[in-house]
Amino acid sequence: MSRTTASRVLTELILEVFRLNGGLLAAGDTLTRPAGQTSGRWQVLGALDGENLTVAEIGRRMGLTRQSVQRTTDLLEGAGLVSYIDNPAHQRAQLATLTPRGRATLDAITSRQIAWANRVAARLVEDDLRRAIRTLRGIRDAVDAAAVSAERSPILTRQRDRSRRTHTPKRRRAS
């Protein structure tokens, strides 16, 4: 199968987004370092800004796996920045909440981020930023729709089922 012109452009955009993501993570680490944090920890702290969430909810909102959010949240709890509280809606899935120390840490990071964002935004055109947001949301929706279509694809489903059969360990018969 050959690439369409649009798929070549999409691939170029994806690679640019990967490079941008790397730069944003590095900038985030620089912004969070004085507070003794990382970009990953900042994502979880930021997700809890103003509301208590389960680990799974944080993962869904941030596009992260529940397992990685669990590890990060547990580290933040160990540092006294987050605590777990009972969830009235679910007996087993506790809610993560910012502690006063976590709130102060997030506020310090946010203050540095605002100054950084103001410097970066001064080099850009606001309308271009708004257009980029709309475009990225559209691409995210298209990627999500393609993933759903792939999940429902009879060909991919058969391939996935065949793959699972191939990699499933055989049970031993009891002797």
Protein backbone atom coordinates (compact mmCIF):
# COMPACT_ATOMS: atom_id res chain seq x y z
CA MET A 1 0.00 0.00 0.00
CA SER A 2 1.34 3.43 -0.86
CA ARG A 3 1.01 6.57 1.23
CA THR A 4 -1.35 9.36 0.28
CA THR A 5 -0.08 12.92 0.33
CA ALA A 6 -2.27 13.57 3.39
CA SER A 7 -0.79 10.59 5.25
CA ARG A 8 2.74 11.85 4.51
CA VAL A 9 1.80 15.26 5.92
CA LEU A 10 0.16 13.61 8.94
CA THR A 11 3.32 11.58 9.57
CA GLU A 12 5.42 14.75 9.35
CA LEU A 13 3.08 16.40 11.87
CA ILE A 14 3.27 13.39 14.19
CA LEU A 15 7.07 13.54 14.18
CA GLU A 16 6.94 17.28 14.90
CA VAL A 17 4.53 16.65 17.80
CA PHE A 18 6.94 14.03 19.18
CA ARG A 19 9.78 16.58 19.03
CA LEU A 20 7.56 19.22 20.65
CA ASN A 21 6.54 16.75 23.36
CA GLY A 22 10.19 16.10 24.16
CA GLY A 23 10.84 19.84 24.40
CA LEU A 24 7.78 20.38 26.59
CA LEU A 25 8.79 17.56 28.94
CA ALA A 26 12.30 19.02 29.23
CA ALA A 27 10.85 22.49 29.89
CA GLY A 28 8.45 20.97 32.42
CA ASP A 29 11.31 19.25 34.22
CA THR A 30 13.15 22.58 34.36
CA LEU A 31 10.06 24.32 35.75
CA THR A 32 9.40 21.62 38.36
CA ARG A 33 12.99 20.95 39.45
CA PRO A 34 13.13 23.81 42.03
CA ALA A 35 10.08 22.23 43.70
CA GLY A 36 11.78 18.81 43.69
CA GLN A 37 9.31 17.43 41.13
CA THR A 38 9.19 16.14 37.54
CA SER A 39 6.88 16.73 34.60
CA GLY A 40 5.14 13.42 35.29
CA ARG A 41 4.45 14.32 38.91
CA TRP A 42 3.30 17.78 37.84
CA GLN A 43 0.74 16.20 35.49
CA VAL A 44 -0.84 14.32 38.40
CA LEU A 45 -0.72 17.32 40.75
CA GLY A 46 -2.30 19.47 38.03
CA ALA A 47 -5.05 16.93 37.39
CA LEU A 48 -6.00 17.22 41.08
CA ASP A 49 -6.17 21.01 40.95
CA GLY A 50 -9.67 21.81 42.17
CA GLU A 51 -11.07 18.27 42.36
CA ASN A 52 -10.46 14.87 43.84
CA LEU A 53 -10.12 12.04 41.31
CA THR A 54 -9.50 8.32 41.21
CA VAL A 55 -6.24 7.13 39.68
CA ALA A 56 -8.20 5.77 36.70
CA GLU A 57 -9.90 9.15 36.16
CA ILE A 58 -6.53 10.92 36.18
CA GLY A 59 -5.20 8.43 33.65
CA ARG A 60 -8.17 8.88 31.31
CA ARG A 61 -8.01 12.68 31.47
CA MET A 62 -4.26 12.82 30.94
CA GLY A 63 -4.03 10.00 28.39
CA LEU A 64 -1.83 7.93 30.69
CA THR A 65 -2.06 4.35 31.84
CA ARG A 66 -3.69 3.71 35.19
CA GLN A 67 -0.57 1.82 36.29
CA SER A 68 1.81 4.73 35.62
CA VAL A 69 -0.56 7.16 37.35
CA GLN A 70 -0.80 4.77 40.31
CA ARG A 71 3.00 4.67 40.66
CA THR A 72 3.28 8.45 40.41
CA THR A 73 0.41 9.08 42.83
CA ASP A 74 1.91 6.65 45.32
CA LEU A 75 5.23 8.52 45.10
CA LEU A 76 3.42 11.82 45.64
CA GLU A 77 1.62 10.32 48.64
CA GLY A 78 4.96 9.17 50.05
CA ALA A 79 6.26 12.73 49.67
CA GLY A 80 3.22 14.11 51.50
CA LEU A 81 1.85 15.95 48.45
CA VAL A 82 -1.21 13.76 47.85
CA SER A 83 -3.39 11.69 50.12
CA TYR A 84 -6.05 9.10 49.44
CA ILE A 85 -9.54 9.55 50.79
CA ASP A 86 -12.65 7.37 50.73
CA ASN A 87 -14.71 7.55 47.58
CA PRO A 88 -18.44 7.67 48.32
CA ALA A 89 -19.16 6.48 44.75
CA HIS A 90 -16.88 3.44 44.85
CA GLN A 91 -15.82 1.26 47.74
CA ARG A 92 -12.42 0.19 46.36
CA ALA A 93 -11.30 3.09 44.14
CA GLN A 94 -10.13 5.78 46.54
CA LEU A 95 -9.92 9.43 45.55
CA ALA A 96 -6.57 11.20 45.36
CA THR A 97 -6.52 14.70 46.79
CA LEU A 98 -3.88 17.41 47.17
CA THR A 99 -2.55 17.94 50.66
CA PRO A 100 -1.74 21.51 51.80
CA ARG A 101 1.90 20.77 50.95
CA GLY A 102 0.83 19.47 47.52
CA ARG A 103 -1.23 22.64 46.94
CA ALA A 104 1.79 24.82 47.83
CA THR A 105 4.03 22.78 45.52
CA LEU A 106 1.56 23.04 42.64
CA ASP A 107 1.17 26.78 43.22
CA ALA A 108 4.95 27.28 43.09
CA ILE A 109 5.22 25.30 39.85
CA THR A 110 2.23 27.13 38.36
CA SER A 111 3.83 30.49 39.13
CA ARG A 112 6.97 29.49 37.20
CA GLN A 113 4.86 28.00 34.38
CA ILE A 114 2.89 31.24 33.95
CA ALA A 115 6.09 33.27 33.56
CA TRP A 116 7.47 30.70 31.08
CA ALA A 117 4.19 30.54 29.10
CA ASN A 118 4.08 34.34 28.88
CA ARG A 119 7.62 34.37 27.42
CA VAL A 120 6.81 31.65 24.88
CA ALA A 121 3.41 33.14 23.94
CA ALA A 122 5.03 36.53 23.27
CA ARG A 123 6.79 34.88 20.28
CA LEU A 124 3.55 33.48 18.83
CA VAL A 125 0.28 34.75 17.35
CA GLU A 126 -2.78 34.06 19.52
CA ASP A 127 -5.03 33.20 16.56
CA ASP A 128 -2.44 30.66 15.36
CA LEU A 129 -2.47 29.07 18.82
CA ARG A 130 -6.27 28.82 18.80
CA ARG A 131 -6.20 27.27 15.32
CA ALA A 132 -3.52 24.80 16.45
CA ILE A 133 -5.70 23.76 19.41
CA ARG A 134 -8.67 23.12 17.11
CA THR A 135 -6.47 21.19 14.67
CA LEU A 136 -4.88 19.03 17.37
CA ARG A 137 -8.29 18.24 18.86
CA GLY A 138 -9.52 17.22 15.41
CA ILE A 139 -6.49 14.97 14.92
CA ARG A 140 -6.99 13.44 18.37
CA ASP A 141 -10.64 12.73 17.52
CA ALA A 142 -9.61 11.14 14.19
CA VAL A 143 -6.99 8.98 15.92
CA ASP A 144 -9.55 7.90 18.54
CA ALA A 145 -12.10 7.10 15.81
CA ALA A 146 -9.51 5.10 13.84
CA ALA A 147 -8.60 3.15 16.98
CA VAL A 148 -12.26 2.32 17.59
CA SER A 149 -12.65 1.27 13.93
CA ALA A 150 -9.55 -0.94 14.20
CA GLU A 151 -10.98 -2.57 17.33
CA ARG A 152 -14.16 -3.41 15.41
CA SER A 153 -12.39 -4.43 12.20
CA PRO A 154 -13.14 -8.10 11.46
CA ILE A 155 -9.67 -8.55 9.93
CA LEU A 156 -7.82 -7.04 12.89
CA THR A 157 -10.06 -8.88 15.36
CA ARG A 158 -9.23 -12.22 13.69
CA GLN A 159 -5.51 -11.34 13.69
CA ARG A 160 -5.65 -10.32 17.35
CA ASP A 161 -7.56 -13.50 18.28
CA ARG A 162 -5.07 -15.64 16.36
CA SER A 163 -2.20 -13.84 18.08
CA ARG A 164 -3.73 -14.47 21.51
CA ARG A 165 -4.12 -18.17 20.74
CA THR A 166 -0.50 -18.34 19.61
CA HIS A 167 0.82 -16.64 22.76
CA THR A 168 -1.46 -18.25 25.33
CA PRO A 169 0.43 -20.75 27.47
CA LYS A 170 -0.96 -24.25 27.31
CA ARG A 171 -2.47 -25.64 30.46
CA ARG A 172 -0.95 -28.76 31.85
CA ARG A 173 -3.24 -31.60 32.56
CA ALA A 174 -3.36 -32.77 36.12
CA SER A 175 -1.72 -36.15 36.58
